[in-house]
Each structure stands twice: as C-alpha cells, then as structure tokens.
N, C-alpha and C. Protein backbone atom coordinates (compact mmCIF):
# COMPACT_ATOMS: atom_id res chain seq x y z
N MET A 1 67.71 97.88 108.59
CA MET A 1 67.73 98.25 109.79
C MET A 1 69.37 98.45 110.08
N THR A 2 69.93 99.39 110.69
CA THR A 2 71.26 99.72 110.84
C THR A 2 71.47 99.54 112.44
N THR A 3 72.73 98.98 112.87
CA THR A 3 72.87 98.82 114.29
C THR A 3 73.81 100.11 114.55
N LEU A 4 73.60 100.76 115.64
CA LEU A 4 74.19 102.01 116.04
C LEU A 4 74.88 101.64 117.31
N LEU A 5 76.34 101.51 117.37
CA LEU A 5 77.27 100.82 118.40
C LEU A 5 77.83 102.00 119.05
N ILE A 6 77.49 102.34 120.42
CA ILE A 6 78.06 103.47 121.11
C ILE A 6 79.01 102.84 121.88
N GLN A 7 80.50 102.97 121.77
CA GLN A 7 81.57 102.52 122.53
C GLN A 7 81.83 103.29 123.74
N ALA A 8 81.58 102.62 124.87
CA ALA A 8 81.56 103.38 126.26
C ALA A 8 82.57 102.47 127.17
N GLU A 9 83.85 102.91 126.97
CA GLU A 9 84.84 102.19 128.24
C GLU A 9 84.73 100.82 127.94
N ASN A 10 84.83 100.29 126.71
CA ASN A 10 84.94 98.74 126.36
C ASN A 10 83.80 98.11 126.64
N ILE A 11 82.54 98.93 126.93
CA ILE A 11 81.39 98.12 126.90
C ILE A 11 80.45 98.66 125.82
N PRO A 12 80.29 98.04 124.61
CA PRO A 12 79.37 98.70 123.59
C PRO A 12 78.07 98.74 124.11
N LEU A 13 77.33 99.85 123.72
CA LEU A 13 75.93 100.03 123.66
C LEU A 13 75.30 99.73 122.35
N THR A 14 74.44 98.93 122.17
CA THR A 14 73.88 98.63 120.77
C THR A 14 72.58 99.20 120.64
N ILE A 15 72.20 100.24 119.60
CA ILE A 15 70.83 100.53 119.18
C ILE A 15 70.49 100.17 117.74
N GLN A 16 69.28 99.78 117.53
CA GLN A 16 68.77 99.53 116.24
C GLN A 16 68.14 100.87 115.72
N ILE A 17 68.69 101.34 114.43
CA ILE A 17 68.18 102.50 113.78
C ILE A 17 67.88 102.01 112.43
N ALA A 18 67.00 103.15 111.72
CA ALA A 18 66.92 102.82 110.14
C ALA A 18 68.08 102.92 109.47
N SER A 19 68.15 102.02 108.38
CA SER A 19 69.59 102.07 107.53
C SER A 19 69.65 103.39 106.94
N MET A 20 70.92 103.63 106.72
CA MET A 20 71.16 105.14 106.13
C MET A 20 72.15 104.92 104.95
N SER A 21 71.65 105.56 103.91
CA SER A 21 72.46 105.73 102.67
C SER A 21 73.61 106.47 102.96
N GLN A 22 74.70 106.48 101.93
CA GLN A 22 75.87 107.47 102.23
C GLN A 22 75.53 108.78 102.39
N GLU A 23 74.62 109.22 101.66
CA GLU A 23 74.32 110.71 101.78
C GLU A 23 73.76 111.15 103.19
N GLN A 24 72.72 110.05 103.69
CA GLN A 24 72.11 110.09 105.18
C GLN A 24 73.34 110.28 106.19
N PHE A 25 74.19 109.07 106.24
CA PHE A 25 75.43 109.06 106.90
C PHE A 25 75.92 110.53 107.13
N TYR A 26 76.52 110.90 105.91
CA TYR A 26 76.96 112.29 105.81
C TYR A 26 76.29 113.40 106.63
N GLU A 27 75.04 113.46 106.46
CA GLU A 27 74.30 114.37 107.10
C GLU A 27 74.04 114.13 108.51
N PHE A 28 73.94 112.75 109.10
CA PHE A 28 74.09 112.58 110.33
C PHE A 28 75.34 112.87 111.09
N CYS A 29 76.45 112.94 110.36
CA CYS A 29 77.66 113.14 110.58
C CYS A 29 77.86 114.78 111.02
N LEU A 30 77.33 115.49 110.00
CA LEU A 30 77.23 117.05 110.17
C LEU A 30 76.22 117.49 111.20
N ALA A 31 75.29 116.73 111.44
CA ALA A 31 74.39 117.34 112.44
C ALA A 31 74.88 116.76 113.92
N ASN A 32 75.85 115.86 114.05
CA ASN A 32 76.54 115.37 115.28
C ASN A 32 77.98 115.80 114.93
N ARG A 33 78.31 116.86 114.75
CA ARG A 33 80.03 117.09 114.65
C ARG A 33 80.67 116.97 115.93
N GLU A 34 80.13 117.18 117.05
CA GLU A 34 80.77 116.81 118.19
C GLU A 34 81.18 115.44 118.54
N LEU A 35 80.54 114.44 117.87
CA LEU A 35 80.68 112.97 118.01
C LEU A 35 81.72 112.43 117.20
N ARG A 36 82.66 111.44 117.41
CA ARG A 36 83.47 110.67 116.83
C ARG A 36 82.73 109.46 116.22
N ILE A 37 82.47 109.57 114.88
CA ILE A 37 81.58 108.55 114.30
C ILE A 37 82.28 107.90 112.93
N GLU A 38 82.19 106.69 113.07
CA GLU A 38 82.73 105.75 112.07
C GLU A 38 81.48 104.80 111.52
N ARG A 39 81.74 104.17 110.30
CA ARG A 39 80.68 103.30 109.97
C ARG A 39 81.60 102.00 109.30
N THR A 40 81.10 100.78 109.72
CA THR A 40 81.66 99.75 109.12
C THR A 40 81.23 99.35 107.78
N ALA A 41 81.87 98.25 107.19
CA ALA A 41 81.64 98.03 105.86
C ALA A 41 79.84 97.42 105.87
N THR A 42 79.65 96.92 106.97
CA THR A 42 78.25 96.21 106.86
C THR A 42 77.10 97.37 107.16
N GLY A 43 77.60 98.74 107.40
CA GLY A 43 76.63 99.75 107.66
C GLY A 43 76.31 99.97 109.03
N GLU A 44 77.10 99.27 110.01
CA GLU A 44 76.98 99.36 111.50
C GLU A 44 77.60 100.93 111.74
N VAL A 45 77.02 101.80 112.47
CA VAL A 45 77.49 103.11 112.82
C VAL A 45 77.96 102.98 114.20
N VAL A 46 79.28 103.65 114.36
CA VAL A 46 79.99 103.33 115.71
C VAL A 46 80.37 104.80 116.14
N ILE A 47 79.81 104.93 117.36
CA ILE A 47 80.15 106.37 117.88
C ILE A 47 81.00 106.09 119.13
N MET A 48 82.26 106.69 119.13
CA MET A 48 83.33 106.49 120.04
C MET A 48 83.35 107.87 121.05
N PRO A 49 83.65 107.51 122.38
CA PRO A 49 83.93 108.60 122.93
C PRO A 49 84.90 109.63 122.65
N PRO A 50 85.09 110.76 123.15
CA PRO A 50 86.22 111.49 122.78
C PRO A 50 87.39 110.89 123.72
N VAL A 51 88.61 110.99 123.16
CA VAL A 51 89.82 110.48 123.85
C VAL A 51 90.19 111.45 124.92
N PHE A 52 90.83 110.80 125.93
CA PHE A 52 91.24 111.76 126.94
C PHE A 52 92.35 112.44 126.79
N SER A 53 92.50 113.54 127.48
CA SER A 53 93.44 114.76 127.08
C SER A 53 95.01 113.97 126.70
N ASP A 54 95.40 113.05 127.49
CA ASP A 54 96.81 112.79 127.23
C ASP A 54 96.98 111.92 125.98
N THR A 55 95.71 111.12 125.43
CA THR A 55 95.71 110.53 124.08
C THR A 55 95.62 111.67 123.07
N GLY A 56 94.84 112.48 123.29
CA GLY A 56 94.72 113.63 122.30
C GLY A 56 96.03 114.47 122.16
N ASN A 57 96.93 114.38 123.21
CA ASN A 57 97.94 115.35 123.13
C ASN A 57 99.03 114.42 122.33
N ARG A 58 99.16 113.13 122.73
CA ARG A 58 99.87 112.29 121.64
C ARG A 58 99.50 112.17 120.45
N ASN A 59 98.20 112.12 120.10
CA ASN A 59 97.50 112.27 118.64
C ASN A 59 98.18 113.28 117.97
N ILE A 60 98.30 114.61 118.77
CA ILE A 60 98.66 115.77 117.97
C ILE A 60 100.17 115.74 117.54
N LYS A 61 100.81 115.08 118.61
CA LYS A 61 102.38 114.77 118.16
C LYS A 61 102.75 113.84 117.17
N ILE A 62 101.92 112.87 116.99
CA ILE A 62 101.96 112.12 115.88
C ILE A 62 101.80 112.80 114.65
N SER A 63 100.59 113.54 114.57
CA SER A 63 100.23 114.15 113.42
C SER A 63 101.17 115.49 113.05
N GLN A 64 101.59 115.85 113.99
CA GLN A 64 102.63 117.12 113.68
C GLN A 64 103.90 116.29 112.97
N GLN A 65 104.32 115.25 113.38
CA GLN A 65 105.50 114.71 112.91
C GLN A 65 105.21 114.42 111.53
N LEU A 66 104.21 113.69 111.38
CA LEU A 66 103.63 113.28 109.85
C LEU A 66 103.45 114.46 108.96
N ALA A 67 102.77 115.52 109.46
CA ALA A 67 102.44 116.81 108.62
C ALA A 67 103.77 117.45 108.27
N ASN A 68 104.69 117.66 109.34
CA ASN A 68 105.94 118.27 109.01
C ASN A 68 106.82 117.28 107.95
N TRP A 69 106.74 116.07 108.03
CA TRP A 69 107.67 115.31 107.12
C TRP A 69 106.70 115.49 105.57
N ALA A 70 105.30 115.55 105.57
CA ALA A 70 104.84 115.58 104.27
C ALA A 70 105.00 116.88 103.68
N ASP A 71 105.03 118.02 104.39
CA ASP A 71 105.25 119.19 103.77
C ASP A 71 106.84 119.33 103.35
N GLU A 72 107.66 118.70 104.09
CA GLU A 72 109.20 118.83 103.64
C GLU A 72 109.36 117.83 102.46
N SER A 73 108.79 116.76 102.57
CA SER A 73 109.09 115.82 101.20
C SER A 73 108.15 116.06 99.97
N GLY A 74 107.07 116.81 100.32
CA GLY A 74 106.39 117.13 99.05
C GLY A 74 105.77 115.91 98.30
N THR A 75 105.60 114.78 98.87
CA THR A 75 105.33 113.61 98.25
C THR A 75 103.63 113.15 98.34
N GLY A 76 103.02 113.93 99.36
CA GLY A 76 101.58 113.68 99.47
C GLY A 76 100.86 114.48 100.53
N GLU A 77 100.02 114.22 100.88
CA GLU A 77 99.11 114.92 101.79
C GLU A 77 98.92 114.10 103.23
N ALA A 78 99.01 114.77 104.52
CA ALA A 78 98.85 114.16 105.74
C ALA A 78 97.48 114.63 106.20
N PHE A 79 96.94 113.81 106.81
CA PHE A 79 95.53 114.12 107.43
C PHE A 79 95.59 113.61 109.01
N ASP A 80 94.63 114.48 109.94
CA ASP A 80 94.51 114.19 111.18
C ASP A 80 93.33 113.29 111.57
N SER A 81 93.08 113.21 113.02
CA SER A 81 92.02 112.19 113.18
C SER A 81 90.56 112.60 113.07
N SER A 82 90.43 113.81 112.64
CA SER A 82 89.23 114.35 112.38
C SER A 82 88.49 114.18 110.92
N THR A 83 89.46 113.36 110.21
CA THR A 83 89.04 113.03 108.58
C THR A 83 88.64 111.83 108.43
N GLY A 84 87.58 111.73 107.75
CA GLY A 84 86.95 110.42 107.35
C GLY A 84 87.09 110.17 106.03
N PHE A 85 87.45 108.96 105.69
CA PHE A 85 87.50 108.31 104.37
C PHE A 85 86.49 107.24 104.07
N THR A 86 85.98 107.11 102.89
CA THR A 86 85.13 106.08 102.54
C THR A 86 86.06 104.95 101.79
N LEU A 87 86.24 103.71 102.61
CA LEU A 87 87.02 102.87 101.86
C LEU A 87 86.48 102.02 100.84
N PRO A 88 86.95 101.44 100.16
CA PRO A 88 86.50 100.52 99.08
C PRO A 88 85.43 99.48 99.34
N ASN A 89 85.71 98.92 100.67
CA ASN A 89 84.59 98.17 101.14
C ASN A 89 83.31 98.77 101.79
N GLY A 90 83.29 99.96 101.71
CA GLY A 90 82.04 101.02 102.03
C GLY A 90 82.05 101.42 103.35
N ALA A 91 83.34 100.89 104.32
CA ALA A 91 83.24 101.32 105.58
C ALA A 91 83.81 102.78 105.50
N THR A 92 83.47 103.75 106.41
CA THR A 92 83.91 105.18 106.70
C THR A 92 84.84 105.06 108.04
N ARG A 93 85.97 105.57 107.91
CA ARG A 93 87.06 105.31 108.99
C ARG A 93 87.68 106.62 108.82
N SER A 94 88.30 106.93 110.20
CA SER A 94 88.98 108.13 110.60
C SER A 94 90.38 107.70 111.20
N PRO A 95 91.29 107.29 110.79
CA PRO A 95 92.62 106.82 111.50
C PRO A 95 92.85 108.04 112.18
N ASP A 96 93.79 107.96 113.28
CA ASP A 96 94.46 109.13 114.07
C ASP A 96 95.30 109.74 113.33
N ALA A 97 96.04 109.30 112.24
CA ALA A 97 96.82 110.03 111.42
C ALA A 97 96.95 109.24 109.95
N SER A 98 97.18 110.05 108.85
CA SER A 98 97.15 109.09 107.56
C SER A 98 97.83 110.09 106.61
N TRP A 99 98.20 109.38 105.47
CA TRP A 99 99.02 110.07 104.37
C TRP A 99 98.48 109.48 103.23
N ILE A 100 98.55 110.26 102.16
CA ILE A 100 98.01 109.83 100.77
C ILE A 100 99.00 110.33 99.71
N LYS A 101 99.52 109.64 98.85
CA LYS A 101 100.56 110.02 97.79
C LYS A 101 99.76 111.19 97.15
N HIS A 102 100.41 112.00 96.47
CA HIS A 102 99.92 113.25 95.56
C HIS A 102 99.19 112.69 94.56
N ASP A 103 99.64 111.67 93.64
CA ASP A 103 99.18 111.34 92.52
C ASP A 103 97.63 110.80 92.64
N ARG A 104 97.44 110.03 93.83
CA ARG A 104 96.34 109.52 94.25
C ARG A 104 95.39 110.36 94.90
N TRP A 105 95.89 111.50 95.55
CA TRP A 105 94.89 112.43 96.04
C TRP A 105 94.38 113.31 95.06
N ASN A 106 95.39 113.83 94.08
CA ASN A 106 94.92 114.60 92.97
C ASN A 106 94.04 114.13 91.80
N ALA A 107 94.07 112.73 91.97
CA ALA A 107 93.08 112.05 91.01
C ALA A 107 91.54 112.16 91.32
N LEU A 108 91.29 112.65 92.66
CA LEU A 108 90.13 112.88 93.13
C LEU A 108 89.41 114.12 92.73
N SER A 109 88.17 114.33 92.71
CA SER A 109 87.76 115.46 92.09
C SER A 109 87.61 116.54 93.37
N GLU A 110 87.17 117.83 93.20
CA GLU A 110 87.15 118.44 94.25
C GLU A 110 85.92 118.06 95.24
N GLU A 111 85.03 117.75 94.40
CA GLU A 111 83.72 117.32 95.32
C GLU A 111 84.10 115.98 96.16
N GLN A 112 84.79 115.12 95.64
CA GLN A 112 85.40 113.92 96.48
C GLN A 112 86.07 114.25 97.63
N LYS A 113 87.07 115.37 97.42
CA LYS A 113 87.75 115.72 98.31
C LYS A 113 87.21 116.50 99.50
N ALA A 114 86.11 117.17 99.17
CA ALA A 114 85.19 117.58 100.24
C ALA A 114 84.11 117.06 100.86
N SER A 115 84.33 115.78 100.81
CA SER A 115 83.36 114.70 101.44
C SER A 115 84.17 113.73 102.21
N PHE A 116 83.78 112.65 102.58
CA PHE A 116 84.46 111.37 103.09
C PHE A 116 84.99 111.02 101.91
N ALA A 117 86.17 111.32 101.44
CA ALA A 117 86.89 111.00 100.21
C ALA A 117 87.10 109.41 100.05
N PRO A 118 86.61 109.01 98.67
CA PRO A 118 86.43 107.68 98.47
C PRO A 118 87.80 106.83 98.06
N ILE A 119 88.54 106.92 99.14
CA ILE A 119 89.98 106.38 99.03
C ILE A 119 90.45 105.87 100.33
N CYS A 120 91.36 104.70 100.53
CA CYS A 120 92.03 104.36 101.62
C CYS A 120 93.48 104.96 101.46
N PRO A 121 93.84 105.47 102.69
CA PRO A 121 95.14 106.22 102.71
C PRO A 121 96.30 105.13 102.49
N ASP A 122 97.34 105.69 101.95
CA ASP A 122 98.50 104.90 101.68
C ASP A 122 99.00 104.49 103.11
N PHE A 123 98.85 105.44 104.03
CA PHE A 123 99.67 105.17 105.36
C PHE A 123 98.62 105.48 106.46
N VAL A 124 98.56 104.49 107.46
CA VAL A 124 97.62 104.77 108.55
C VAL A 124 98.44 104.91 109.90
N ILE A 125 97.97 105.56 110.85
CA ILE A 125 98.30 105.24 112.29
C ILE A 125 97.21 105.44 113.09
N GLU A 126 96.99 104.58 114.21
CA GLU A 126 96.14 104.34 115.15
C GLU A 126 96.77 104.24 116.43
N LEU A 127 96.36 104.95 117.31
CA LEU A 127 96.95 105.11 118.65
C LEU A 127 95.80 104.74 119.57
N ARG A 128 96.14 103.45 120.32
CA ARG A 128 95.18 102.94 121.30
C ARG A 128 94.86 103.73 122.45
N SER A 129 93.46 103.98 122.56
CA SER A 129 93.13 105.00 123.76
C SER A 129 92.48 104.06 124.66
N SER A 130 92.02 104.72 125.91
CA SER A 130 91.68 103.62 127.00
C SER A 130 90.26 102.82 126.68
N SER A 131 89.53 103.37 125.64
CA SER A 131 88.14 102.81 125.35
C SER A 131 88.44 102.01 124.16
N ASP A 132 89.67 101.79 123.69
CA ASP A 132 90.01 100.70 122.52
C ASP A 132 90.32 99.54 122.97
N THR A 133 89.73 98.44 122.52
CA THR A 133 90.26 97.10 122.56
C THR A 133 91.43 96.86 121.52
N LEU A 134 92.30 96.16 121.89
CA LEU A 134 93.51 95.97 121.03
C LEU A 134 92.90 95.19 119.85
N SER A 135 92.11 94.03 120.09
CA SER A 135 91.52 93.37 118.82
C SER A 135 90.85 94.15 117.95
N SER A 136 90.12 94.95 118.56
CA SER A 136 89.14 95.91 117.50
C SER A 136 90.21 96.88 116.70
N LEU A 137 91.15 97.16 117.18
CA LEU A 137 92.20 97.90 116.56
C LEU A 137 93.08 97.04 115.41
N GLN A 138 93.28 95.93 115.93
CA GLN A 138 94.09 94.97 114.85
C GLN A 138 93.00 94.62 113.85
N ASP A 139 91.91 94.61 114.10
CA ASP A 139 90.93 94.36 112.80
C ASP A 139 90.92 95.42 112.13
N LYS A 140 90.80 96.65 112.59
CA LYS A 140 90.84 97.89 111.85
C LYS A 140 91.95 98.16 111.10
N MET A 141 93.21 97.74 111.73
CA MET A 141 94.32 97.98 110.88
C MET A 141 94.37 96.88 109.62
N GLN A 142 94.00 95.75 109.88
CA GLN A 142 93.96 94.58 108.80
C GLN A 142 92.82 95.08 107.73
N GLU A 143 91.73 95.85 108.06
CA GLU A 143 90.98 96.43 107.15
C GLU A 143 91.38 97.47 106.23
N TYR A 144 92.25 98.32 106.79
CA TYR A 144 93.12 99.20 106.01
C TYR A 144 93.87 98.66 105.05
N ILE A 145 94.54 97.77 105.38
CA ILE A 145 95.60 96.93 104.68
C ILE A 145 94.73 96.23 103.36
N ASP A 146 93.69 95.64 103.77
CA ASP A 146 92.81 94.97 102.77
C ASP A 146 92.36 95.88 101.91
N ASN A 147 92.11 97.07 102.00
CA ASN A 147 91.55 97.99 101.17
C ASN A 147 92.58 98.99 100.49
N GLY A 148 93.90 98.66 100.82
CA GLY A 148 94.88 99.32 100.03
C GLY A 148 95.90 100.13 100.40
N ALA A 149 95.70 100.15 101.90
CA ALA A 149 96.83 100.86 102.69
C ALA A 149 98.27 99.97 102.46
N LEU A 150 99.33 100.79 102.22
CA LEU A 150 100.56 100.27 101.99
C LEU A 150 101.42 100.05 103.45
N LEU A 151 101.07 100.75 104.28
CA LEU A 151 101.61 100.62 105.71
C LEU A 151 100.68 100.98 106.78
N GLY A 152 100.76 100.45 107.93
CA GLY A 152 99.97 100.80 109.03
C GLY A 152 100.68 100.67 110.24
N LEU A 153 100.55 101.58 111.38
CA LEU A 153 101.17 101.47 112.65
C LEU A 153 100.13 101.43 113.62
N LEU A 154 99.96 100.44 114.39
CA LEU A 154 99.09 100.56 115.52
C LEU A 154 100.08 100.76 116.70
N ILE A 155 99.88 101.78 117.43
CA ILE A 155 100.46 102.12 118.65
C ILE A 155 99.90 101.76 119.84
N ASP A 156 100.44 100.93 120.71
CA ASP A 156 99.77 100.43 121.94
C ASP A 156 100.57 101.07 123.08
N ARG A 157 100.19 102.26 123.61
CA ARG A 157 100.92 102.90 124.54
C ARG A 157 100.83 101.86 125.97
N LYS A 158 99.71 101.37 126.29
CA LYS A 158 99.55 100.32 127.41
C LYS A 158 100.73 99.32 127.53
N ASN A 159 100.80 98.62 126.37
CA ASN A 159 101.66 97.58 126.41
C ASN A 159 103.26 98.04 125.68
N GLN A 160 103.28 99.36 125.40
CA GLN A 160 104.62 99.79 124.92
C GLN A 160 105.08 99.20 123.64
N THR A 161 104.03 98.83 122.80
CA THR A 161 104.30 98.09 121.38
C THR A 161 103.73 99.07 120.26
N VAL A 162 104.51 98.65 118.97
CA VAL A 162 103.96 99.25 117.79
C VAL A 162 103.95 98.02 116.83
N HIS A 163 102.64 97.70 116.35
CA HIS A 163 102.41 96.80 115.41
C HIS A 163 102.44 97.31 113.90
N VAL A 164 103.26 96.76 113.12
CA VAL A 164 103.63 97.33 111.64
C VAL A 164 102.87 96.45 110.95
N TYR A 165 101.87 96.93 110.29
CA TYR A 165 101.00 96.13 109.03
C TYR A 165 101.63 96.54 107.72
N ARG A 166 101.73 95.63 106.97
CA ARG A 166 101.86 95.80 105.40
C ARG A 166 101.19 94.67 104.77
N PRO A 167 100.86 94.97 103.47
CA PRO A 167 100.22 93.75 102.71
C PRO A 167 101.01 92.75 102.52
N SER A 168 100.16 91.52 102.66
CA SER A 168 100.76 90.13 102.49
C SER A 168 101.87 89.73 103.64
N GLN A 169 101.80 90.29 104.62
CA GLN A 169 102.76 90.07 105.58
C GLN A 169 102.21 89.87 106.99
N THR A 170 102.64 88.93 107.79
CA THR A 170 102.34 89.23 109.20
C THR A 170 102.83 90.31 110.12
N PRO A 171 101.75 91.01 110.81
CA PRO A 171 102.12 92.10 111.39
C PRO A 171 103.32 92.15 112.19
N GLU A 172 104.39 92.92 112.29
CA GLU A 172 105.46 92.97 113.08
C GLU A 172 105.24 93.59 114.37
N VAL A 173 105.74 92.99 115.33
CA VAL A 173 105.37 93.86 116.79
C VAL A 173 106.81 94.08 117.24
N LEU A 174 106.78 95.51 117.60
CA LEU A 174 108.13 96.02 117.97
C LEU A 174 107.91 96.54 119.37
N ASP A 175 108.85 96.16 120.29
CA ASP A 175 108.73 96.38 121.64
C ASP A 175 109.53 97.65 122.17
N ALA A 176 108.64 98.37 122.70
CA ALA A 176 109.25 99.87 122.87
C ALA A 176 110.19 100.61 122.18
N PRO A 177 110.02 100.63 120.69
CA PRO A 177 111.15 101.28 120.12
C PRO A 177 111.32 102.77 120.51
N ASN A 178 112.32 103.27 120.10
CA ASN A 178 112.57 104.83 120.38
C ASN A 178 112.11 105.53 119.03
N SER A 179 112.35 104.84 118.02
CA SER A 179 111.68 105.47 116.68
C SER A 179 110.95 104.24 115.87
N VAL A 180 110.38 104.60 114.93
CA VAL A 180 109.80 103.49 113.92
C VAL A 180 109.97 104.10 112.65
N SER A 181 110.54 103.52 111.58
CA SER A 181 110.83 104.02 110.37
C SER A 181 109.51 103.24 109.50
N ALA A 182 109.30 104.37 108.42
CA ALA A 182 108.11 104.27 107.61
C ALA A 182 108.93 103.77 106.10
N GLU A 183 110.07 103.38 106.07
CA GLU A 183 110.74 103.06 104.68
C GLU A 183 110.36 101.71 104.40
N PRO A 184 110.19 101.33 103.24
CA PRO A 184 110.63 102.13 102.14
C PRO A 184 109.19 102.90 101.45
N GLU A 185 107.96 102.80 102.25
CA GLU A 185 106.82 103.52 101.60
C GLU A 185 106.82 104.90 101.82
N LEU A 186 107.32 105.32 102.83
CA LEU A 186 107.45 106.78 103.05
C LEU A 186 109.09 107.17 103.34
N PRO A 187 109.62 107.54 102.24
CA PRO A 187 111.04 107.64 102.20
C PRO A 187 111.24 108.82 103.30
N GLY A 188 112.20 108.56 104.26
CA GLY A 188 112.76 109.53 105.18
C GLY A 188 112.00 109.74 106.22
N PHE A 189 110.61 109.20 106.33
CA PHE A 189 109.74 109.30 107.61
C PHE A 189 110.09 108.50 108.67
N VAL A 190 110.48 108.98 109.88
CA VAL A 190 110.74 108.12 111.00
C VAL A 190 109.85 108.70 112.24
N LEU A 191 108.96 108.00 112.69
CA LEU A 191 108.10 108.46 113.86
C LEU A 191 109.06 108.39 115.17
N GLN A 192 109.27 109.49 115.87
CA GLN A 192 109.80 109.49 117.15
C GLN A 192 108.82 109.34 118.03
N MET A 193 109.22 108.22 118.80
CA MET A 193 108.44 107.71 120.06
C MET A 193 108.39 108.54 121.27
N ALA A 194 109.44 109.11 121.68
CA ALA A 194 109.81 109.59 122.95
C ALA A 194 108.67 110.65 123.59
N LYS A 195 107.87 111.30 122.79
CA LYS A 195 106.91 112.12 123.47
C LYS A 195 105.48 111.35 123.14
N ILE A 196 105.63 110.14 122.59
CA ILE A 196 104.21 109.32 122.52
C ILE A 196 104.04 108.27 123.45
N TRP A 197 105.20 108.02 123.96
CA TRP A 197 104.96 106.74 125.08
C TRP A 197 104.59 107.63 126.42
C-alpha cells in the first residue's frame, strides 16, 4: 500500500493507494501532468498545489539567473521546477531550480535523460511557497545533500532568509542578503535577490 499525501495549505490529506513501481509512478505522472507530484524514498506520493502567481514569478527569476549563468559558463545544465529527478535513495524530487555538471549529465543515457533522470543535481534551490512548511523544506534540502548535492539554497521569503546547505556542514542562515554566492561549487554564479524578495 502506498500513501498519497495531498498538501493543501499546510494541512495534508492522506489517502492509501496501491503501491506503484517506478514505471507506474511515471505513468501516473504522465496521466496527471497538471499536478505537481513527488515521491518520497519510502514510496509516499506527494501532490502539491500549484504555487501562487507571486511565487511562480520569483521561481522563473531564479531559474532565469541560473540558466543564463549555465549558458555563459558552459559547465553544466540548468533545470526548472517542472523537472523530476530520481535520487539514489529512490525518491523522485523536483527542485525549484537545479544544475548538473556536464560530465555527470553526459554520463546518462538518452533514455535516462528522457525520464526522471536517476541523478541528484549538484546544485538545488527551493523557494518556500505559502503551502510549504519550513521544516519540510529543510528535510528536503538535507535529503538532496545526503544524496549527493554539493550545494543547496533554501529561500524563505516569509522570513527573508536563505539557508545554505553543503555536505558535512551545519546549514548557514543568511539574513536578507542582497545576493548569494554559489562559490566555489558554481564558479561565478551569484544569485541576485532584489527581484526575489
């Protein structure tokens, strides 16, 4: 049995459904493209509401900055919030923005790239929306780090903070920064925060 968790304004609705294989989960996502769907390492399926317009606007500004840097640097590939990745622990996650080094991305087969690629991004960004609890996003950020991410940024607009995650380090909390450097993991990438706050 699989748990289907529907996140609705901080009050999750839980429904028990039959367990799904990776292929069945992929088919479920294809049949429900309008939904934001993730799966935990234990197989729990999480359906999240669409973000409100202001959060979506800020998400695109984050993705735009990352994609522009990735194109200019030529060091890797950037992805937006619609991209799902299958992490080493079996979870399928869709960070708000992410980046993978070229050598790691190019090591995947075309078939793997055309699915929920079996890889944890090197860099992930999560932007807290009104339906996200801070603790659930902190857990998700730690999951990315535990599965191979080199750097993670959790942006909390409500509290005007950025939580910076790196392997084997306690998360660093920045208060209302004007910009956040991704050095040394992403040489030259600085996330400008003016249009994100």
